[in-house]
Amino acid sequence: MTQAKWLDGYSGQSVDELLALVPEYRVDSIVLAFEQGVSQHAAKVGDAALDPAELAVLAVEAYEREVNNGGHHQFFFNTPEHAPSIVKALRDIGCGATADVAQGAIDRLGIAGPATAAKVTESIERKGADFVEVLVEECDGPFYDLSEPIADRLLDYVRVNRARIHVG
């Protein structure tokens, strides 16, 4: 069996053209291309005009990328705009255990009321360096111990919601 190739990113394909690249290309590289394509679409129409399915693609990809590269602190620090929607997005794609870990990390921020990007940023700044260790111990480890196939489930979600997702 041949190993699937890595897709070098989004280059103007339609949603259906990206989906047709499975099984020739790795699923994680295809969902990354979807993130890039949806980001390009968002730059044209504005985030407020995005469909919830498009927001889910952006949130899940940001979460997986940032947590895998530097933990929950990095997710909150680099992409606080996705914190308010990540738990629902993970549940929507069928990653309930991962959503529970994300909710636990959000709970540790100690935000009163709904989490917003501004409140996330404020909490991260207020809690300081010691908070990174709390997240590593209580949230990052459990995330890394999970075996939910996030990329596969996100791609399945894109397939089901293809009419609601726009790229480019």
N, C-alpha and C. Protein backbone atom coordinates (compact mmCIF):
# COMPACT_ATOMS: atom_id res chain seq x y z
N MET A 1 0.84 -1.18 0.00
CA MET A 1 0.00 0.00 0.00
C MET A 1 0.89 1.24 0.00
N THR A 2 0.57 2.18 -0.84
CA THR A 2 1.34 3.42 -0.92
C THR A 2 0.87 4.40 0.14
N GLN A 3 1.84 5.11 0.68
CA GLN A 3 1.50 6.12 1.68
C GLN A 3 0.95 7.35 0.98
N ALA A 4 -0.10 7.92 1.55
CA ALA A 4 -0.71 9.12 0.98
C ALA A 4 0.29 10.27 1.02
N LYS A 5 0.17 11.15 0.04
CA LYS A 5 1.07 12.30 -0.07
C LYS A 5 0.56 13.45 0.80
N TRP A 6 1.46 14.40 1.04
CA TRP A 6 1.13 15.61 1.77
C TRP A 6 0.68 16.68 0.78
N LEU A 7 -0.49 17.24 0.98
CA LEU A 7 -0.99 18.34 0.16
C LEU A 7 -0.31 19.62 0.62
N ASP A 8 0.30 20.34 -0.28
CA ASP A 8 1.10 21.51 0.09
C ASP A 8 0.29 22.75 0.41
N GLY A 9 -0.99 22.61 0.60
CA GLY A 9 -1.80 23.75 1.00
C GLY A 9 -2.91 24.02 0.01
N TYR A 10 -3.71 24.99 0.36
CA TYR A 10 -4.84 25.38 -0.46
C TYR A 10 -4.34 26.17 -1.66
N SER A 11 -4.81 25.80 -2.85
CA SER A 11 -4.39 26.52 -4.05
C SER A 11 -5.56 26.77 -5.00
N GLY A 12 -6.70 27.16 -4.42
CA GLY A 12 -7.83 27.56 -5.24
C GLY A 12 -8.84 26.48 -5.55
N GLN A 13 -8.69 25.30 -4.99
CA GLN A 13 -9.64 24.23 -5.26
C GLN A 13 -11.01 24.55 -4.66
N SER A 14 -12.04 23.92 -5.22
CA SER A 14 -13.38 24.02 -4.64
C SER A 14 -13.46 23.02 -3.48
N VAL A 15 -14.55 23.09 -2.74
CA VAL A 15 -14.78 22.15 -1.65
C VAL A 15 -14.77 20.72 -2.19
N ASP A 16 -15.51 20.49 -3.28
CA ASP A 16 -15.57 19.14 -3.84
C ASP A 16 -14.23 18.68 -4.39
N GLU A 17 -13.46 19.58 -4.96
CA GLU A 17 -12.13 19.21 -5.45
C GLU A 17 -11.21 18.81 -4.30
N LEU A 18 -11.29 19.54 -3.18
CA LEU A 18 -10.49 19.16 -2.01
C LEU A 18 -10.92 17.79 -1.47
N LEU A 19 -12.22 17.56 -1.39
CA LEU A 19 -12.71 16.28 -0.88
C LEU A 19 -12.30 15.12 -1.79
N ALA A 20 -12.20 15.39 -3.09
CA ALA A 20 -11.82 14.34 -4.04
C ALA A 20 -10.35 13.93 -3.90
N LEU A 21 -9.57 14.70 -3.17
CA LEU A 21 -8.15 14.39 -3.00
C LEU A 21 -7.89 13.22 -2.04
N VAL A 22 -8.93 12.83 -1.29
CA VAL A 22 -8.81 11.65 -0.44
C VAL A 22 -8.99 10.45 -1.37
N PRO A 23 -8.25 9.44 -1.38
CA PRO A 23 -7.21 8.97 -0.48
C PRO A 23 -5.78 9.25 -0.97
N GLU A 24 -5.65 10.02 -2.05
CA GLU A 24 -4.30 10.29 -2.57
C GLU A 24 -3.46 11.11 -1.59
N TYR A 25 -4.13 12.02 -0.84
CA TYR A 25 -3.42 12.90 0.09
C TYR A 25 -3.83 12.61 1.53
N ARG A 26 -2.94 12.91 2.44
CA ARG A 26 -3.20 12.71 3.86
C ARG A 26 -4.36 13.58 4.34
N VAL A 27 -5.21 13.01 5.16
CA VAL A 27 -6.38 13.72 5.68
C VAL A 27 -5.97 14.98 6.42
N ASP A 28 -4.93 14.92 7.25
CA ASP A 28 -4.53 16.10 8.00
C ASP A 28 -4.08 17.23 7.09
N SER A 29 -3.50 16.90 5.94
CA SER A 29 -3.10 17.95 5.01
C SER A 29 -4.31 18.52 4.27
N ILE A 30 -5.32 17.71 4.07
CA ILE A 30 -6.54 18.19 3.40
C ILE A 30 -7.32 19.11 4.34
N VAL A 31 -7.45 18.76 5.61
CA VAL A 31 -8.19 19.65 6.52
C VAL A 31 -7.41 20.95 6.73
N LEU A 32 -6.10 20.89 6.68
CA LEU A 32 -5.30 22.11 6.73
C LEU A 32 -5.60 22.99 5.51
N ALA A 33 -5.72 22.38 4.34
CA ALA A 33 -6.08 23.14 3.13
C ALA A 33 -7.48 23.75 3.28
N PHE A 34 -8.40 23.02 3.91
CA PHE A 34 -9.73 23.59 4.17
C PHE A 34 -9.62 24.81 5.08
N GLU A 35 -8.81 24.71 6.13
CA GLU A 35 -8.62 25.86 7.02
C GLU A 35 -8.10 27.06 6.23
N GLN A 36 -7.12 26.83 5.38
CA GLN A 36 -6.54 27.92 4.59
C GLN A 36 -7.58 28.50 3.63
N GLY A 37 -8.35 27.63 2.99
CA GLY A 37 -9.38 28.09 2.06
C GLY A 37 -10.49 28.87 2.74
N VAL A 38 -10.94 28.37 3.90
CA VAL A 38 -11.98 29.08 4.66
C VAL A 38 -11.43 30.41 5.17
N SER A 39 -10.16 30.44 5.57
CA SER A 39 -9.54 31.69 6.01
C SER A 39 -9.51 32.72 4.88
N GLN A 40 -9.21 32.27 3.68
CA GLN A 40 -9.24 33.18 2.53
C GLN A 40 -10.65 33.70 2.29
N HIS A 41 -11.62 32.82 2.39
CA HIS A 41 -13.02 33.24 2.24
C HIS A 41 -13.39 34.25 3.32
N ALA A 42 -12.96 33.99 4.56
CA ALA A 42 -13.26 34.90 5.67
C ALA A 42 -12.64 36.27 5.44
N ALA A 43 -11.47 36.31 4.86
CA ALA A 43 -10.81 37.60 4.58
C ALA A 43 -11.62 38.42 3.58
N LYS A 44 -12.36 37.75 2.72
CA LYS A 44 -13.18 38.45 1.72
C LYS A 44 -14.52 38.92 2.28
N VAL A 45 -15.16 38.06 3.11
CA VAL A 45 -16.52 38.35 3.54
C VAL A 45 -16.61 38.84 4.98
N GLY A 46 -15.56 38.64 5.76
CA GLY A 46 -15.58 39.00 7.17
C GLY A 46 -16.04 37.84 8.02
N ASP A 47 -15.49 37.74 9.20
CA ASP A 47 -15.81 36.62 10.10
C ASP A 47 -17.29 36.57 10.46
N ALA A 48 -17.93 37.73 10.56
CA ALA A 48 -19.34 37.77 10.95
C ALA A 48 -20.24 37.10 9.90
N ALA A 49 -19.78 37.02 8.65
CA ALA A 49 -20.57 36.44 7.58
C ALA A 49 -20.35 34.93 7.43
N LEU A 50 -19.46 34.36 8.23
CA LEU A 50 -19.17 32.94 8.09
C LEU A 50 -20.28 32.08 8.67
N ASP A 51 -20.51 30.96 8.03
CA ASP A 51 -21.46 29.96 8.51
C ASP A 51 -20.86 29.26 9.74
N PRO A 52 -21.67 28.81 10.67
CA PRO A 52 -21.15 28.08 11.82
C PRO A 52 -20.28 26.87 11.42
N ALA A 53 -20.57 26.24 10.30
CA ALA A 53 -19.75 25.12 9.85
C ALA A 53 -18.35 25.60 9.46
N GLU A 54 -18.26 26.76 8.87
CA GLU A 54 -16.96 27.33 8.51
C GLU A 54 -16.18 27.72 9.77
N LEU A 55 -16.90 28.29 10.73
CA LEU A 55 -16.26 28.65 12.00
C LEU A 55 -15.75 27.41 12.72
N ALA A 56 -16.48 26.31 12.62
CA ALA A 56 -16.05 25.06 13.24
C ALA A 56 -14.73 24.57 12.62
N VAL A 57 -14.61 24.66 11.31
CA VAL A 57 -13.37 24.27 10.64
C VAL A 57 -12.20 25.10 11.18
N LEU A 58 -12.40 26.40 11.25
CA LEU A 58 -11.32 27.29 11.73
C LEU A 58 -10.98 27.01 13.19
N ALA A 59 -11.99 26.83 14.03
CA ALA A 59 -11.75 26.62 15.46
C ALA A 59 -11.06 25.29 15.72
N VAL A 60 -11.54 24.22 15.10
CA VAL A 60 -10.97 22.90 15.34
C VAL A 60 -9.53 22.83 14.84
N GLU A 61 -9.28 23.37 13.68
CA GLU A 61 -7.91 23.35 13.15
C GLU A 61 -6.98 24.20 14.02
N ALA A 62 -7.44 25.35 14.46
CA ALA A 62 -6.60 26.19 15.34
C ALA A 62 -6.32 25.45 16.64
N TYR A 63 -7.33 24.84 17.21
CA TYR A 63 -7.17 24.12 18.47
C TYR A 63 -6.17 22.98 18.33
N GLU A 64 -6.38 22.14 17.34
CA GLU A 64 -5.49 20.99 17.18
C GLU A 64 -4.05 21.44 16.90
N ARG A 65 -3.89 22.41 16.04
CA ARG A 65 -2.54 22.90 15.71
C ARG A 65 -1.85 23.51 16.93
N GLU A 66 -2.53 24.42 17.60
CA GLU A 66 -1.91 25.14 18.72
C GLU A 66 -1.64 24.24 19.91
N VAL A 67 -2.60 23.38 20.26
CA VAL A 67 -2.39 22.50 21.40
C VAL A 67 -1.28 21.49 21.10
N ASN A 68 -1.25 20.98 19.88
CA ASN A 68 -0.19 20.04 19.53
C ASN A 68 1.19 20.71 19.50
N ASN A 69 1.23 21.99 19.22
CA ASN A 69 2.51 22.69 19.12
C ASN A 69 2.97 23.34 20.42
N GLY A 70 2.07 23.56 21.36
CA GLY A 70 2.49 24.26 22.58
C GLY A 70 1.49 24.21 23.71
N GLY A 71 0.49 23.38 23.57
CA GLY A 71 -0.47 23.21 24.65
C GLY A 71 -1.63 24.20 24.62
N HIS A 72 -2.50 24.06 25.60
CA HIS A 72 -3.69 24.91 25.69
C HIS A 72 -3.34 26.38 25.88
N HIS A 73 -2.26 26.63 26.61
CA HIS A 73 -1.84 28.03 26.78
C HIS A 73 -1.57 28.66 25.42
N GLN A 74 -0.91 27.93 24.54
CA GLN A 74 -0.62 28.47 23.20
C GLN A 74 -1.92 28.69 22.42
N PHE A 75 -2.88 27.79 22.56
CA PHE A 75 -4.17 27.98 21.91
C PHE A 75 -4.84 29.26 22.40
N PHE A 76 -4.89 29.43 23.73
CA PHE A 76 -5.51 30.62 24.28
C PHE A 76 -4.75 31.89 23.93
N PHE A 77 -3.44 31.81 23.94
CA PHE A 77 -2.60 32.98 23.67
C PHE A 77 -2.63 33.38 22.20
N ASN A 78 -2.51 32.40 21.30
CA ASN A 78 -2.42 32.70 19.86
C ASN A 78 -3.77 32.85 19.17
N THR A 79 -4.77 32.13 19.62
CA THR A 79 -6.07 32.16 18.93
C THR A 79 -7.23 32.27 19.92
N PRO A 80 -7.24 33.31 20.76
CA PRO A 80 -8.31 33.43 21.75
C PRO A 80 -9.69 33.58 21.12
N GLU A 81 -9.74 34.02 19.89
CA GLU A 81 -11.04 34.19 19.21
C GLU A 81 -11.78 32.86 19.03
N HIS A 82 -11.06 31.74 19.08
CA HIS A 82 -11.72 30.44 18.90
C HIS A 82 -12.12 29.78 20.21
N ALA A 83 -11.66 30.31 21.33
CA ALA A 83 -12.00 29.71 22.63
C ALA A 83 -13.51 29.64 22.88
N PRO A 84 -14.27 30.71 22.55
CA PRO A 84 -15.71 30.65 22.83
C PRO A 84 -16.46 29.56 22.06
N SER A 85 -15.92 29.13 20.92
CA SER A 85 -16.66 28.18 20.08
C SER A 85 -16.05 26.79 20.01
N ILE A 86 -14.88 26.58 20.63
CA ILE A 86 -14.18 25.30 20.42
C ILE A 86 -14.92 24.10 20.99
N VAL A 87 -15.52 24.23 22.13
CA VAL A 87 -16.19 23.06 22.74
C VAL A 87 -17.34 22.61 21.86
N LYS A 88 -18.17 23.53 21.42
CA LYS A 88 -19.29 23.17 20.54
C LYS A 88 -18.79 22.61 19.22
N ALA A 89 -17.76 23.22 18.67
CA ALA A 89 -17.21 22.75 17.39
C ALA A 89 -16.70 21.31 17.52
N LEU A 90 -15.99 21.01 18.59
CA LEU A 90 -15.50 19.65 18.79
C LEU A 90 -16.65 18.67 18.98
N ARG A 91 -17.69 19.07 19.69
CA ARG A 91 -18.85 18.19 19.85
C ARG A 91 -19.56 17.99 18.51
N ASP A 92 -19.65 19.07 17.73
CA ASP A 92 -20.33 18.98 16.43
C ASP A 92 -19.63 18.01 15.48
N ILE A 93 -18.32 17.90 15.57
CA ILE A 93 -17.61 16.97 14.68
C ILE A 93 -17.51 15.56 15.27
N GLY A 94 -18.00 15.38 16.50
CA GLY A 94 -18.01 14.06 17.11
C GLY A 94 -16.81 13.74 17.98
N CYS A 95 -16.16 14.76 18.50
CA CYS A 95 -15.00 14.57 19.39
C CYS A 95 -15.36 15.00 20.80
N GLY A 96 -16.26 14.26 21.43
CA GLY A 96 -16.75 14.60 22.76
C GLY A 96 -15.69 14.57 23.84
N ALA A 97 -14.79 13.59 23.81
CA ALA A 97 -13.75 13.51 24.84
C ALA A 97 -12.80 14.71 24.72
N THR A 98 -12.46 15.07 23.50
CA THR A 98 -11.59 16.24 23.30
C THR A 98 -12.33 17.50 23.73
N ALA A 99 -13.62 17.58 23.46
CA ALA A 99 -14.42 18.74 23.88
C ALA A 99 -14.42 18.86 25.40
N ASP A 100 -14.47 17.72 26.10
CA ASP A 100 -14.42 17.75 27.56
C ASP A 100 -13.08 18.32 28.06
N VAL A 101 -11.99 17.94 27.41
CA VAL A 101 -10.67 18.47 27.79
C VAL A 101 -10.63 19.98 27.52
N ALA A 102 -11.12 20.39 26.36
CA ALA A 102 -11.14 21.82 26.03
C ALA A 102 -11.99 22.60 27.03
N GLN A 103 -13.13 22.04 27.43
CA GLN A 103 -13.99 22.70 28.41
C GLN A 103 -13.26 22.82 29.75
N GLY A 104 -12.53 21.79 30.13
CA GLY A 104 -11.76 21.85 31.36
C GLY A 104 -10.72 22.96 31.32
N ALA A 105 -10.06 23.12 30.19
CA ALA A 105 -9.07 24.20 30.05
C ALA A 105 -9.74 25.56 30.14
N ILE A 106 -10.89 25.70 29.50
CA ILE A 106 -11.63 26.97 29.55
C ILE A 106 -12.09 27.26 30.98
N ASP A 107 -12.57 26.22 31.67
CA ASP A 107 -13.00 26.40 33.06
C ASP A 107 -11.86 26.91 33.93
N ARG A 108 -10.65 26.44 33.67
CA ARG A 108 -9.49 26.86 34.46
C ARG A 108 -9.11 28.32 34.23
N LEU A 109 -9.64 28.91 33.17
CA LEU A 109 -9.40 30.34 32.95
C LEU A 109 -10.11 31.19 34.01
N GLY A 110 -11.17 30.64 34.59
CA GLY A 110 -11.90 31.35 35.64
C GLY A 110 -12.65 32.57 35.14
N ILE A 111 -13.22 32.47 33.97
CA ILE A 111 -13.95 33.58 33.36
C ILE A 111 -15.39 33.57 33.86
N ALA A 112 -15.85 34.71 34.32
CA ALA A 112 -17.25 34.86 34.72
C ALA A 112 -18.09 35.10 33.47
N GLY A 113 -19.15 34.35 33.33
CA GLY A 113 -20.00 34.50 32.16
C GLY A 113 -19.39 33.82 30.95
N PRO A 114 -19.96 34.09 29.77
CA PRO A 114 -19.46 33.46 28.56
C PRO A 114 -18.01 33.87 28.26
N ALA A 115 -17.25 32.91 27.76
CA ALA A 115 -15.87 33.21 27.34
C ALA A 115 -15.91 34.02 26.06
N THR A 116 -15.19 35.10 26.04
CA THR A 116 -15.00 35.88 24.83
C THR A 116 -13.50 35.97 24.59
N ALA A 117 -13.11 36.35 23.39
CA ALA A 117 -11.69 36.48 23.07
C ALA A 117 -11.01 37.46 24.03
N ALA A 118 -11.68 38.57 24.32
CA ALA A 118 -11.10 39.57 25.23
C ALA A 118 -10.94 39.02 26.64
N LYS A 119 -11.95 38.29 27.12
CA LYS A 119 -11.87 37.72 28.47
C LYS A 119 -10.79 36.63 28.55
N VAL A 120 -10.63 35.86 27.49
CA VAL A 120 -9.60 34.83 27.45
C VAL A 120 -8.23 35.48 27.54
N THR A 121 -8.00 36.50 26.73
CA THR A 121 -6.71 37.20 26.73
C THR A 121 -6.44 37.83 28.09
N GLU A 122 -7.45 38.46 28.66
CA GLU A 122 -7.31 39.09 29.98
C GLU A 122 -6.96 38.05 31.05
N SER A 123 -7.62 36.91 31.02
CA SER A 123 -7.37 35.87 32.00
C SER A 123 -5.96 35.30 31.86
N ILE A 124 -5.52 35.05 30.65
CA ILE A 124 -4.17 34.53 30.41
C ILE A 124 -3.13 35.50 30.95
N GLU A 125 -3.33 36.79 30.68
CA GLU A 125 -2.37 37.80 31.16
C GLU A 125 -2.39 37.90 32.68
N ARG A 126 -3.57 37.84 33.27
CA ARG A 126 -3.71 37.97 34.72
C ARG A 126 -3.12 36.77 35.45
N LYS A 127 -3.31 35.57 34.92
CA LYS A 127 -2.87 34.35 35.60
C LYS A 127 -1.36 34.16 35.52
N GLY A 128 -0.72 34.63 34.47
CA GLY A 128 0.74 34.59 34.37
C GLY A 128 1.34 33.23 34.10
N ALA A 129 2.65 33.14 34.33
CA ALA A 129 3.44 31.97 33.95
C ALA A 129 3.05 30.70 34.71
N ASP A 130 2.66 30.82 35.97
CA ASP A 130 2.29 29.63 36.74
C ASP A 130 1.09 28.91 36.12
N PHE A 131 0.26 29.67 35.44
CA PHE A 131 -0.93 29.08 34.83
C PHE A 131 -0.56 28.11 33.72
N VAL A 132 0.54 28.35 33.03
CA VAL A 132 0.99 27.45 31.98
C VAL A 132 1.18 26.05 32.56
N GLU A 133 1.81 25.97 33.72
CA GLU A 133 2.05 24.67 34.36
C GLU A 133 0.75 23.98 34.75
N VAL A 134 -0.23 24.75 35.18
CA VAL A 134 -1.54 24.18 35.52
C VAL A 134 -2.15 23.55 34.27
N LEU A 135 -2.12 24.28 33.17
CA LEU A 135 -2.69 23.76 31.92
C LEU A 135 -1.94 22.53 31.44
N VAL A 136 -0.62 22.56 31.53
CA VAL A 136 0.18 21.41 31.10
C VAL A 136 -0.21 20.18 31.89
N GLU A 137 -0.28 20.32 33.19
CA GLU A 137 -0.56 19.19 34.06
C GLU A 137 -2.00 18.70 33.94
N GLU A 138 -2.94 19.62 33.93
CA GLU A 138 -4.34 19.24 34.04
C GLU A 138 -5.08 19.11 32.71
N CYS A 139 -4.52 19.68 31.63
CA CYS A 139 -5.25 19.66 30.36
C CYS A 139 -4.43 19.10 29.20
N ASP A 140 -3.16 19.52 29.10
CA ASP A 140 -2.36 19.08 27.95
C ASP A 140 -2.15 17.57 27.98
N GLY A 141 -1.76 17.04 29.13
CA GLY A 141 -1.55 15.60 29.25
C GLY A 141 -2.78 14.80 28.84
N PRO A 142 -3.95 15.12 29.40
CA PRO A 142 -5.16 14.40 28.98
C PRO A 142 -5.46 14.55 27.48
N PHE A 143 -5.17 15.71 26.90
CA PHE A 143 -5.37 15.89 25.45
C PHE A 143 -4.47 14.93 24.69
N TYR A 144 -3.19 14.87 25.05
CA TYR A 144 -2.24 14.02 24.34
C TYR A 144 -2.54 12.54 24.54
N ASP A 145 -3.21 12.20 25.64
CA ASP A 145 -3.56 10.80 25.90
C ASP A 145 -4.77 10.33 25.10
N LEU A 146 -5.53 11.25 24.55
CA LEU A 146 -6.72 10.88 23.78
C LEU A 146 -6.33 10.28 22.44
N SER A 147 -7.24 9.49 21.91
CA SER A 147 -6.98 8.91 20.59
C SER A 147 -8.08 9.24 19.59
N GLU A 148 -8.83 10.30 19.86
CA GLU A 148 -9.89 10.67 18.92
C GLU A 148 -9.24 11.17 17.62
N PRO A 149 -9.71 10.66 16.49
CA PRO A 149 -9.15 11.08 15.20
C PRO A 149 -9.76 12.42 14.75
N ILE A 150 -9.25 13.50 15.31
CA ILE A 150 -9.85 14.81 15.07
C ILE A 150 -9.89 15.16 13.59
N ALA A 151 -8.79 14.99 12.89
CA ALA A 151 -8.74 15.36 11.46
C ALA A 151 -9.74 14.53 10.65
N ASP A 152 -9.81 13.23 10.92
CA ASP A 152 -10.76 12.38 10.19
C ASP A 152 -12.20 12.83 10.44
N ARG A 153 -12.50 13.13 11.69
CA ARG A 153 -13.87 13.54 12.02
C ARG A 153 -14.19 14.92 11.46
N LEU A 154 -13.19 15.80 11.43
CA LEU A 154 -13.42 17.11 10.82
C LEU A 154 -13.67 16.96 9.33
N LEU A 155 -12.94 16.09 8.67
CA LEU A 155 -13.17 15.88 7.24
C LEU A 155 -14.56 15.29 7.00
N ASP A 156 -14.99 14.36 7.85
CA ASP A 156 -16.36 13.82 7.73
C ASP A 156 -17.39 14.93 7.91
N TYR A 157 -17.14 15.81 8.87
CA TYR A 157 -18.03 16.95 9.12
C TYR A 157 -18.09 17.85 7.89
N VAL A 158 -16.96 18.10 7.26
CA VAL A 158 -16.92 18.92 6.04
C VAL A 158 -17.74 18.24 4.94
N ARG A 159 -17.59 16.93 4.81
CA ARG A 159 -18.36 16.21 3.78
C ARG A 159 -19.86 16.41 3.99
N VAL A 160 -20.31 16.24 5.23
CA VAL A 160 -21.74 16.35 5.54
C VAL A 160 -22.23 17.79 5.34
N ASN A 161 -21.37 18.77 5.63
CA ASN A 161 -21.76 20.18 5.58
C ASN A 161 -21.18 20.91 4.38
N ARG A 162 -20.82 20.20 3.35
CA ARG A 162 -20.12 20.78 2.20
C ARG A 162 -20.86 21.98 1.59
N ALA A 163 -22.17 21.97 1.60
CA ALA A 163 -22.91 23.10 1.01
C ALA A 163 -22.81 24.37 1.84
N ARG A 164 -22.43 24.24 3.11
CA ARG A 164 -22.33 25.40 4.01
C ARG A 164 -20.91 25.95 4.11
N ILE A 165 -19.97 25.26 3.50
CA ILE A 165 -18.56 25.63 3.62
C ILE A 165 -18.06 26.23 2.31
N HIS A 166 -17.45 27.40 2.43
CA HIS A 166 -16.92 28.10 1.25
C HIS A 166 -15.42 28.31 1.43
N VAL A 167 -14.70 28.18 0.33
CA VAL A 167 -13.27 28.38 0.35
C VAL A 167 -12.89 29.38 -0.74
N GLY A 168 -11.73 30.00 -0.53
CA GLY A 168 -11.19 30.91 -1.53
C GLY A 168 -11.76 32.29 -1.57
